[in-house]
Each structure stands twice: as structure tokens, then as C-alpha cells.
Amino acid sequence: MSSTTSRMPLLDAVKGVACLLIVGHHLSRYGPLPEGAAALAPRVFGWLSQYGRLAVQVFLVLAGFLAAGSLAPEGALRIDKPLSRVFQRYARLVMPYLAALTFSVLVAAVVRPWLDDEVVPGPPGIAQLIAHGLLLQDLLGFDALSTGVWYVAIDFQLFVLALAAIGASEILQRRWALRPDTSRWLMAGLLLAMVVASLAVFNRHAELDVTALYFFGSYGLGMFVFWIGRATRRSTWGFAVLVLVLLGAATLALDWRSRIATALVTALAVVVIQRLDGLAPSAWPHAGEPLVRLGRISYSLFLIHFPVLLLVSAAVSHGAPVTPWVGMAGLLATGVLSIGAAVVLYRFVESRPATWRRLLGLFAGLLVCGVLASMMAG
């Protein structure tokens, strides 16, 4: 993902803004600091608390966009070993995730005596730790050990589901001896059916939000945006965009959902900008460089900011009453420290090549630290 988006600075900048909104959403809701700081800017805190989470839809659309470019840029599966690719995706997601989760478990154990707040995760059990490592915690009903870990599991599920759909169309193409062009239409039809099913059925049932079926509508929109942008004929591009608009309008008419509206606007914006060649590095040579850099570490920032918030919240609330200005200063310190921690996590974990040895080492570290944290609580 990093190598792909490094050639698309605008997408990096968008990811940077979206990540700031998600972090702001969490900082406006969790712990004692926002309770005090909200008095200084009640509308800003209220907006972030209610709407900041919608930025997740931006990440879903962009993740689908990048997945299409990685798995099937020409509309056909281009990888020879799908299972190897699944492991690669799992390892790339999980290595920084395990490191951040280990840090979160240790921080929760340290601050638990000081920070009497329901936001602090409880002492973890072995089964809970293993479920988190395998990205099965929500499916198995375990409490989350850090905020946002649900997204990592969903991202992996979405990738596997997209790969399975594209692979199924390839199998049918070989079995039925279809021409390559026909095979592409078969793949597009299969994915479109999955997108429609997600938007019209699965996404309307909150109990399914632990599965990729709930989110595949937004992810699939991103995949189609990638392929629409590669259309050479203006009429083909226009027809595809019209289908996208009609699909979104029908979905929202059936059941208005702000999250789907956000995903649709994101998809349409990307498809137009892509048509104008706005995703090329030459279109944005130096503009927004801080946001571009932030976007490149956005995954690490997403993973690490919650334990940093716990640490700062415990230190501030334990040392002094949380007045509005003290709370605001604590939140600003959390933001700065989180970015610093994200740089470290990106440099030493996320940007490193994924290997079995590193993956197993991080998994073992999570288990050991989890056991130590449980012993501290006992």
C-alpha cells in the first residue's frame, strides 16, 4: 500500500486528513480530558464526536481503490499464488498492529490504578490475545484491547473477499472457456452484485458490522472507481459514472445513511480527479507535503494514538484537576506524542519487510506482555 500511494500524493494527503478526523473523533470521546476541554469549543467537540467516524468511509473507498490496482489492474487477477498474497496482506496489516496492541496492553496495565475510567481495557486473557492476533476478536465476541482494532480485521476480511470474488470469476472463465473481455464483464458483474447486496441488505443490519459483508459496498465502490478511471473512451467513462450515481441514489433513497453518502461522495471525487489526471505526482509537486507525510504514517497513527491517549489522560488527571485548559493541553500533547509514536512505529515496524520470523516474534511478544499485564492486575 505504501509504495502505491507514494506515487499518488493526493491520496496520501486525503488519508492524512481522514486520519486526523478519526483521531479527533476518539480524542473527543474517550477519557477525562475531553470532558474538560469540550467547554472551550463545544461545537467542534460535538461535531467530531458525532461525525468524525465517517472518515472511516474514506479509508474504505481508498482501500478498495488500491486493492483493485494491486489485484486486477486490467480487470483480471494478476497474481499466481493467492494464498501467498493473503499471507502478505495479513502480515503487512498485523505486524504494526501487534506492536501497537502490545503497547496498548502494557499501557492499560500501568494506568489502570490511576485512571478509573471504562475506556481502559480490562486485563486480557490468553484466548482474547490469540483472537486479536488472528483478527477474530469481534467474530468471537471478545472485548477489544484497543480502539479501532475492528477496522484492521474488517480490512483483512474485505481484501480476502475481493480476492475470492476475482478468483472465482477467473475459475469460471477457464471452465467456460470465455474470452478475456467476457471474463472482465463476468468479474464486474459478480463484484457489482456483491456491492448492491452490501448496500441494500447487509449494511442495513448493525449486527453484521463485524463482517466484511457490511462494509463491502464502500470498498467495492473504491474498486470500481479504479477501473472506471482506466476507461479510454469518454462515453464508457460517462456511462460508468452514471451507473455509479444511480446506484448511490437508489441506495440512499432506500435507506439514507450518512456513512454511505460519505463513501459515494469520496468515490465520485476520486473518479473525477483521476479523470483529470489529478492523482499523478506531477499534479501536486510540493503542495500539502505535511499532509502527504502524515498520510503515509496514517495507519501507524491510527493504531498507536489510543494507548498514548491513555498515558496522557492518566498522567494529567492524576496530577491535577482536569479544567478546560488542562484538558485541552492534554489533548494537544496527545496529538503531538501520537504523531511522534506513529513515526517510530512506521520506521521500525510498518515499513520493514513482512516475514514469518518477525510476525511470530511480535505475536509472541503480545502473548508474553498480555500475561504480564494480567499478573499485574491480579
Protein backbone atom coordinates (compact mmCIF):
# COMPACT_ATOMS: atom_id res chain seq x y z
CA MET A 1 0.00 0.00 0.00
CA SER A 2 2.75 2.45 0.91
CA SER A 3 4.62 2.03 -2.39
CA THR A 4 1.39 2.53 -4.31
CA THR A 5 0.24 5.64 -2.53
CA SER A 6 3.74 7.17 -2.60
CA ARG A 7 3.11 7.68 -6.32
CA MET A 8 -0.26 9.29 -5.56
CA PRO A 9 0.42 12.19 -3.16
CA LEU A 10 -3.15 13.43 -3.29
CA LEU A 11 -4.42 10.12 -1.89
CA ASP A 12 -1.80 10.32 0.84
CA ALA A 13 -2.96 13.83 1.73
CA VAL A 14 -6.59 12.69 1.84
CA LYS A 15 -5.61 9.81 4.10
CA GLY A 16 -3.79 12.27 6.35
CA VAL A 17 -6.89 14.44 6.72
CA ALA A 18 -9.15 11.40 7.26
CA CYS A 19 -6.81 10.02 9.92
CA LEU A 20 -6.80 13.35 11.77
CA LEU A 21 -10.61 13.27 11.80
CA ILE A 22 -10.67 9.73 13.18
CA VAL A 23 -8.09 10.56 15.85
CA GLY A 24 -10.06 13.70 16.67
CA HIS A 25 -13.20 11.60 16.98
CA HIS A 26 -11.54 9.36 19.55
CA LEU A 27 -9.94 12.26 21.42
CA SER A 28 -13.34 13.94 21.70
CA ARG A 29 -14.98 10.89 23.27
CA TYR A 30 -12.59 8.86 25.41
CA GLY A 31 -11.23 9.54 28.88
CA PRO A 32 -11.45 12.54 31.22
CA LEU A 33 -9.62 15.06 29.00
CA PRO A 34 -12.42 15.83 26.51
CA GLU A 35 -14.91 16.22 29.36
CA GLY A 36 -12.98 19.28 30.48
CA ALA A 37 -11.74 20.57 27.11
CA ALA A 38 -15.16 20.43 25.44
CA ALA A 39 -16.22 23.57 27.31
CA LEU A 40 -13.74 25.61 25.24
CA ALA A 41 -15.14 24.50 21.86
CA PRO A 42 -18.39 22.60 22.41
CA ARG A 43 -19.45 22.67 18.74
CA VAL A 44 -16.12 21.34 17.49
CA PHE A 45 -16.08 18.55 20.07
CA GLY A 46 -19.72 17.74 19.38
CA TRP A 47 -19.12 17.56 15.63
CA LEU A 48 -16.04 15.36 16.00
CA SER A 49 -17.83 13.10 18.45
CA GLN A 50 -20.82 12.62 16.15
CA TYR A 51 -19.38 12.80 12.64
CA GLY A 52 -15.61 12.21 12.86
CA ARG A 53 -16.09 8.47 12.47
CA LEU A 54 -17.44 9.00 8.94
CA ALA A 55 -13.83 9.43 7.81
CA VAL A 56 -13.55 5.63 8.05
CA GLN A 57 -15.59 5.51 4.83
CA VAL A 58 -12.84 7.45 3.07
CA PHE A 59 -10.34 4.79 4.10
CA LEU A 60 -12.67 2.03 2.92
CA VAL A 61 -13.07 3.57 -0.53
CA LEU A 62 -9.34 4.22 -0.90
CA ALA A 63 -8.55 0.70 0.33
CA GLY A 64 -10.82 -0.74 -2.37
CA PHE A 65 -9.22 1.54 -4.96
CA LEU A 66 -5.73 0.33 -4.04
CA ALA A 67 -6.84 -3.30 -3.84
CA ALA A 68 -8.18 -3.19 -7.40
CA GLY A 69 -4.90 -1.73 -8.61
CA SER A 70 -2.95 -4.41 -6.79
CA LEU A 71 -5.08 -7.48 -7.56
CA ALA A 72 -6.54 -6.82 -11.00
CA PRO A 73 -5.43 -3.55 -12.62
CA GLU A 74 -6.59 -4.72 -16.06
CA GLY A 75 -9.74 -6.43 -14.81
CA ALA A 76 -8.15 -9.86 -14.44
CA LEU A 77 -6.37 -11.46 -11.49
CA ARG A 78 -2.65 -10.93 -11.93
CA ILE A 79 -1.23 -12.95 -9.04
CA ASP A 80 -0.18 -16.59 -9.33
CA LYS A 81 -0.29 -17.58 -5.66
CA PRO A 82 -3.43 -16.19 -3.99
CA LEU A 83 -2.74 -17.81 -0.61
CA SER A 84 0.72 -16.27 -0.53
CA ARG A 85 -0.85 -12.90 -1.25
CA VAL A 86 -3.34 -13.40 1.58
CA PHE A 87 -0.46 -14.03 3.97
CA GLN A 88 1.36 -10.96 2.68
CA ARG A 89 -1.69 -8.82 3.30
CA TYR A 90 -2.22 -10.32 6.75
CA ALA A 91 1.42 -9.80 7.71
CA ARG A 92 1.52 -6.21 6.44
CA LEU A 93 -1.59 -5.36 8.43
CA VAL A 94 -0.75 -7.32 11.55
CA MET A 95 2.91 -6.51 12.19
CA PRO A 96 2.38 -2.86 13.22
CA TYR A 97 -0.98 -3.85 14.69
CA LEU A 98 0.63 -6.40 17.04
CA ALA A 99 3.31 -3.93 18.09
CA ALA A 100 0.73 -1.23 18.85
CA LEU A 101 -1.56 -3.71 20.58
CA THR A 102 1.28 -4.91 22.81
CA PHE A 103 2.00 -1.31 23.76
CA SER A 104 -1.70 -0.73 24.46
CA VAL A 105 -1.93 -3.80 26.71
CA LEU A 106 1.09 -2.66 28.73
CA VAL A 107 -0.15 0.92 28.98
CA ALA A 108 -3.57 -0.24 30.16
CA ALA A 109 -1.91 -2.32 32.89
CA VAL A 110 0.17 0.66 34.04
CA VAL A 111 -2.61 3.28 34.06
CA ARG A 112 -5.40 1.08 35.43
CA PRO A 113 -4.69 2.03 39.11
CA TRP A 114 -4.59 5.74 38.20
CA LEU A 115 -7.30 6.08 35.58
CA ASP A 116 -10.66 4.88 36.83
CA ASP A 117 -12.48 5.02 33.52
CA GLU A 118 -14.41 2.47 31.49
CA VAL A 119 -12.29 3.37 28.47
CA VAL A 120 -9.34 1.42 29.95
CA PRO A 121 -9.42 -2.15 28.59
CA GLY A 122 -9.59 -4.93 31.15
CA PRO A 123 -6.78 -7.44 31.78
CA PRO A 124 -6.54 -9.72 28.72
CA GLY A 125 -6.91 -13.49 28.70
CA ILE A 126 -4.88 -15.86 26.53
CA ALA A 127 -7.83 -16.69 24.27
CA GLN A 128 -8.58 -12.99 23.89
CA LEU A 129 -4.98 -12.26 22.91
CA ILE A 130 -4.89 -15.08 20.36
CA ALA A 131 -8.21 -13.97 18.88
CA HIS A 132 -6.85 -10.44 18.47
CA GLY A 133 -3.70 -11.75 16.84
CA LEU A 134 -5.78 -13.73 14.34
CA LEU A 135 -8.16 -10.78 13.78
CA LEU A 136 -11.10 -12.80 15.05
CA GLN A 137 -11.89 -10.88 18.24
CA ASP A 138 -15.18 -9.38 17.06
CA LEU A 139 -16.41 -12.54 15.34
CA LEU A 140 -15.72 -14.50 18.54
CA GLY A 141 -17.25 -11.87 20.84
CA PHE A 142 -14.14 -10.73 22.75
CA ASP A 143 -13.84 -7.20 24.11
CA ALA A 144 -11.43 -5.02 22.15
CA LEU A 145 -7.99 -4.40 23.66
CA SER A 146 -7.69 -1.05 21.88
CA THR A 147 -9.96 1.26 19.97
CA GLY A 148 -10.12 0.82 16.22
CA VAL A 149 -8.86 -2.76 16.13
CA TRP A 150 -12.14 -3.74 14.49
CA TYR A 151 -11.07 -1.89 11.34
CA VAL A 152 -7.92 -3.97 10.92
CA ALA A 153 -9.97 -7.18 10.99
CA ILE A 154 -12.51 -5.75 8.53
CA ASP A 155 -9.78 -4.54 6.15
CA PHE A 156 -8.33 -8.04 6.02
CA GLN A 157 -11.74 -9.63 5.50
CA LEU A 158 -12.51 -7.21 2.68
CA PHE A 159 -9.24 -7.98 0.91
CA VAL A 160 -9.83 -11.72 1.13
CA LEU A 161 -13.44 -11.34 -0.05
CA ALA A 162 -12.37 -9.22 -3.04
CA LEU A 163 -9.61 -11.68 -3.92
CA ALA A 164 -12.06 -14.59 -3.69
CA ALA A 165 -14.57 -12.84 -5.97
CA ILE A 166 -11.96 -12.03 -8.60
CA GLY A 167 -10.52 -15.53 -8.34
CA ALA A 168 -13.99 -17.08 -8.73
CA SER A 169 -14.52 -15.15 -11.98
CA GLU A 170 -11.16 -16.44 -13.24
CA ILE A 171 -12.15 -20.02 -12.44
CA LEU A 172 -15.45 -19.63 -14.27
CA GLN A 173 -13.65 -18.05 -17.22
CA ARG A 174 -11.38 -21.07 -17.57
CA ARG A 175 -14.20 -23.57 -17.02
CA TRP A 176 -16.50 -21.94 -19.55
CA ALA A 177 -13.65 -21.01 -21.95
CA LEU A 178 -14.72 -17.37 -22.02
CA ARG A 179 -12.86 -14.68 -23.89
CA PRO A 180 -10.84 -12.23 -21.75
CA ASP A 181 -13.28 -9.37 -22.40
CA THR A 182 -16.21 -11.56 -21.38
CA SER A 183 -14.31 -12.63 -18.28
CA ARG A 184 -13.86 -8.98 -17.25
CA TRP A 185 -17.60 -8.37 -17.57
CA LEU A 186 -18.24 -11.51 -15.51
CA MET A 187 -15.92 -10.25 -12.77
CA ALA A 188 -17.51 -6.79 -12.86
CA GLY A 189 -21.00 -8.29 -12.67
CA LEU A 190 -20.07 -10.52 -9.73
CA LEU A 191 -18.50 -7.64 -7.80
CA LEU A 192 -21.38 -5.32 -8.64
CA ALA A 193 -23.85 -7.87 -7.28
CA MET A 194 -21.80 -8.03 -4.05
CA VAL A 195 -21.74 -4.23 -3.79
CA VAL A 196 -25.51 -3.99 -4.32
CA ALA A 197 -26.15 -6.74 -1.77
CA SER A 198 -23.97 -4.98 0.77
CA LEU A 199 -25.52 -1.54 0.23
CA ALA A 200 -29.13 -2.69 0.00
CA VAL A 201 -29.17 -5.54 2.53
CA PHE A 202 -26.15 -6.24 4.74
CA ASN A 203 -25.26 -2.62 5.56
CA ARG A 204 -28.75 -2.04 6.93
CA HIS A 205 -28.28 -4.56 9.76
CA ALA A 206 -26.00 -3.28 12.52
CA GLU A 207 -25.38 -6.78 13.90
CA LEU A 208 -23.41 -7.57 10.73
CA ASP A 209 -20.84 -4.83 11.27
CA VAL A 210 -18.30 -7.42 12.43
CA THR A 211 -18.18 -8.86 8.92
CA ALA A 212 -16.88 -7.63 5.57
CA LEU A 213 -20.37 -8.01 4.09
CA TYR A 214 -21.47 -4.90 5.98
CA PHE A 215 -18.67 -2.76 4.54
CA PHE A 216 -18.16 -4.23 1.08
CA GLY A 217 -20.39 -1.59 -0.52
CA SER A 218 -17.93 1.22 0.25
CA TYR A 219 -14.90 -0.97 -0.51
CA GLY A 220 -16.41 -2.16 -3.79
CA LEU A 221 -17.15 1.43 -4.84
CA GLY A 222 -13.45 2.12 -4.50
CA MET A 223 -12.60 -0.88 -6.66
CA PHE A 224 -14.95 0.24 -9.42
CA VAL A 225 -13.55 3.77 -9.25
CA PHE A 226 -10.11 2.40 -10.10
CA TRP A 227 -11.37 0.56 -13.17
CA ILE A 228 -13.63 3.43 -14.28
CA GLY A 229 -10.61 5.72 -14.22
CA ARG A 230 -8.83 3.45 -16.72
CA ALA A 231 -11.60 3.71 -19.30
CA THR A 232 -10.17 5.08 -22.56
CA ARG A 233 -13.45 6.12 -24.16
CA ARG A 234 -15.25 9.16 -22.81
CA SER A 235 -18.63 7.51 -23.44
CA THR A 236 -17.62 4.43 -21.43
CA TRP A 237 -16.36 6.61 -18.58
CA GLY A 238 -19.53 8.70 -18.59
CA PHE A 239 -21.80 5.66 -18.62
CA ALA A 240 -19.89 4.07 -15.73
CA VAL A 241 -20.08 7.26 -13.67
CA LEU A 242 -23.81 7.50 -14.38
CA VAL A 243 -24.27 3.92 -13.14
CA LEU A 244 -22.30 4.84 -10.01
CA VAL A 245 -24.51 7.88 -9.37
CA LEU A 246 -27.73 5.95 -9.96
CA LEU A 247 -26.59 3.13 -7.69
CA GLY A 248 -25.77 5.59 -4.92
CA ALA A 249 -29.04 7.49 -5.35
CA ALA A 250 -31.09 4.29 -5.26
CA THR A 251 -29.23 3.09 -2.17
CA LEU A 252 -29.78 6.33 -0.28
CA ALA A 253 -33.41 6.53 -1.38
CA LEU A 254 -33.94 3.06 0.02
CA ASP A 255 -32.36 3.95 3.36
CA TRP A 256 -30.46 7.17 3.99
CA ARG A 257 -27.14 6.52 5.72
CA SER A 258 -24.54 9.24 6.22
CA ARG A 259 -21.75 6.69 6.02
CA ILE A 260 -22.85 5.53 2.56
CA ALA A 261 -23.31 9.12 1.39
CA THR A 262 -19.74 9.85 2.51
CA ALA A 263 -18.44 6.81 0.65
CA LEU A 264 -20.32 7.79 -2.50
CA VAL A 265 -19.04 11.38 -2.44
CA THR A 266 -15.49 10.09 -1.90
CA ALA A 267 -15.80 7.63 -4.79
CA LEU A 268 -17.18 10.29 -7.17
CA ALA A 269 -14.49 12.79 -6.16
CA VAL A 270 -11.72 10.26 -6.80
CA VAL A 271 -13.13 9.18 -10.15
CA VAL A 272 -13.34 12.80 -11.37
CA ILE A 273 -9.87 13.72 -10.06
CA GLN A 274 -8.45 10.57 -11.62
CA ARG A 275 -10.01 11.53 -14.97
CA LEU A 276 -8.34 14.94 -14.73
CA ASP A 277 -5.01 13.21 -14.03
CA GLY A 278 -5.00 14.71 -10.57
CA LEU A 279 -3.59 11.58 -8.92
CA ALA A 280 -0.26 11.81 -10.74
CA PRO A 281 2.71 13.08 -8.69
CA SER A 282 3.31 15.82 -11.25
CA ALA A 283 -0.10 17.32 -10.46
CA TRP A 284 0.93 18.03 -6.86
CA PRO A 285 4.72 18.52 -6.87
CA HIS A 286 5.04 20.21 -3.48
CA ALA A 287 1.54 21.06 -2.28
CA GLY A 288 0.37 19.67 1.05
CA GLU A 289 3.64 17.92 1.86
CA PRO A 290 2.92 17.73 5.64
CA LEU A 291 -0.41 16.03 4.94
CA VAL A 292 1.24 13.68 2.42
CA ARG A 293 3.77 12.61 5.05
CA LEU A 294 1.02 12.25 7.62
CA GLY A 295 -0.95 10.10 5.19
CA ARG A 296 1.99 7.74 4.77
CA ILE A 297 2.08 7.10 8.52
CA SER A 298 -1.71 7.24 8.92
CA TYR A 299 -2.06 3.51 9.63
CA SER A 300 0.57 3.65 12.37
CA LEU A 301 -1.06 6.77 13.80
CA PHE A 302 -4.46 5.09 13.74
CA LEU A 303 -3.02 2.15 15.70
CA ILE A 304 -0.91 3.94 18.28
CA HIS A 305 -2.87 7.04 19.32
CA PHE A 306 -5.20 5.27 21.77
CA PRO A 307 -2.53 3.98 24.20
CA VAL A 308 -0.87 7.41 24.03
CA LEU A 309 -4.23 8.93 25.00
CA LEU A 310 -4.47 6.55 27.96
CA LEU A 311 -0.98 7.51 29.15
CA VAL A 312 -1.55 11.25 28.89
CA SER A 313 -5.02 11.01 30.43
CA ALA A 314 -3.67 9.09 33.42
CA ALA A 315 -0.74 11.48 33.92
CA VAL A 316 -2.85 14.63 33.63
CA SER A 317 -5.86 13.52 35.66
CA HIS A 318 -3.68 12.00 38.38
CA GLY A 319 -1.61 15.15 38.78
CA ALA A 320 -4.26 17.87 38.75
CA PRO A 321 -7.98 18.53 38.31
CA VAL A 322 -8.95 18.43 34.64
CA THR A 323 -10.01 22.01 33.99
CA PRO A 324 -10.93 23.07 30.43
CA TRP A 325 -7.45 24.42 29.67
CA VAL A 326 -5.71 21.47 31.31
CA GLY A 327 -7.87 19.09 29.30
CA MET A 328 -7.14 20.94 26.06
CA ALA A 329 -3.42 20.96 26.76
CA GLY A 330 -3.57 17.23 27.44
CA LEU A 331 -5.34 16.56 24.15
CA LEU A 332 -2.85 18.68 22.20
CA ALA A 333 0.01 16.82 23.88
CA THR A 334 -1.68 13.54 22.98
CA GLY A 335 -1.84 14.56 19.33
CA VAL A 336 1.81 15.56 19.15
CA LEU A 337 3.05 12.50 21.04
CA SER A 338 0.85 10.22 18.92
CA ILE A 339 2.39 11.53 15.71
CA GLY A 340 5.86 11.01 17.17
CA ALA A 341 4.98 7.47 18.23
CA ALA A 342 3.49 6.80 14.79
CA VAL A 343 6.74 7.86 13.12
CA VAL A 344 8.63 5.38 15.30
CA LEU A 345 6.12 2.58 14.64
CA TYR A 346 6.21 3.24 10.90
CA ARG A 347 10.00 3.44 10.77
CA PHE A 348 10.79 0.33 12.78
CA VAL A 349 7.80 -1.93 12.09
CA GLU A 350 5.36 -0.94 9.35
CA SER A 351 7.99 -0.10 6.72
CA ARG A 352 10.01 -3.27 7.37
CA PRO A 353 9.54 -6.31 5.09
CA ALA A 354 6.98 -8.78 6.42
CA THR A 355 8.47 -12.16 7.34
CA TRP A 356 7.32 -15.18 9.31
CA ARG A 357 10.07 -14.61 11.89
CA ARG A 358 9.08 -11.02 12.58
CA LEU A 359 5.40 -11.87 12.61
CA LEU A 360 5.81 -14.74 15.07
CA GLY A 361 8.13 -12.65 17.23
CA LEU A 362 5.55 -9.88 17.52
CA PHE A 363 2.79 -12.41 18.21
CA ALA A 364 4.87 -13.99 20.97
CA GLY A 365 5.61 -10.55 22.40
CA LEU A 366 1.90 -9.78 22.59
CA LEU A 367 1.20 -13.04 24.43
CA VAL A 368 4.04 -12.54 26.93
CA CYS A 369 3.11 -8.93 27.64
CA GLY A 370 -0.55 -9.88 27.91
CA VAL A 371 0.28 -12.49 30.55
CA LEU A 372 2.42 -9.98 32.45
CA ALA A 373 -0.41 -7.43 32.31
CA SER A 374 -2.85 -9.97 33.70
CA MET A 375 -0.42 -10.82 36.51
CA MET A 376 -0.09 -7.12 37.35
CA ALA A 377 -3.86 -6.83 37.58
CA GLY A 378 -4.09 -9.91 39.78
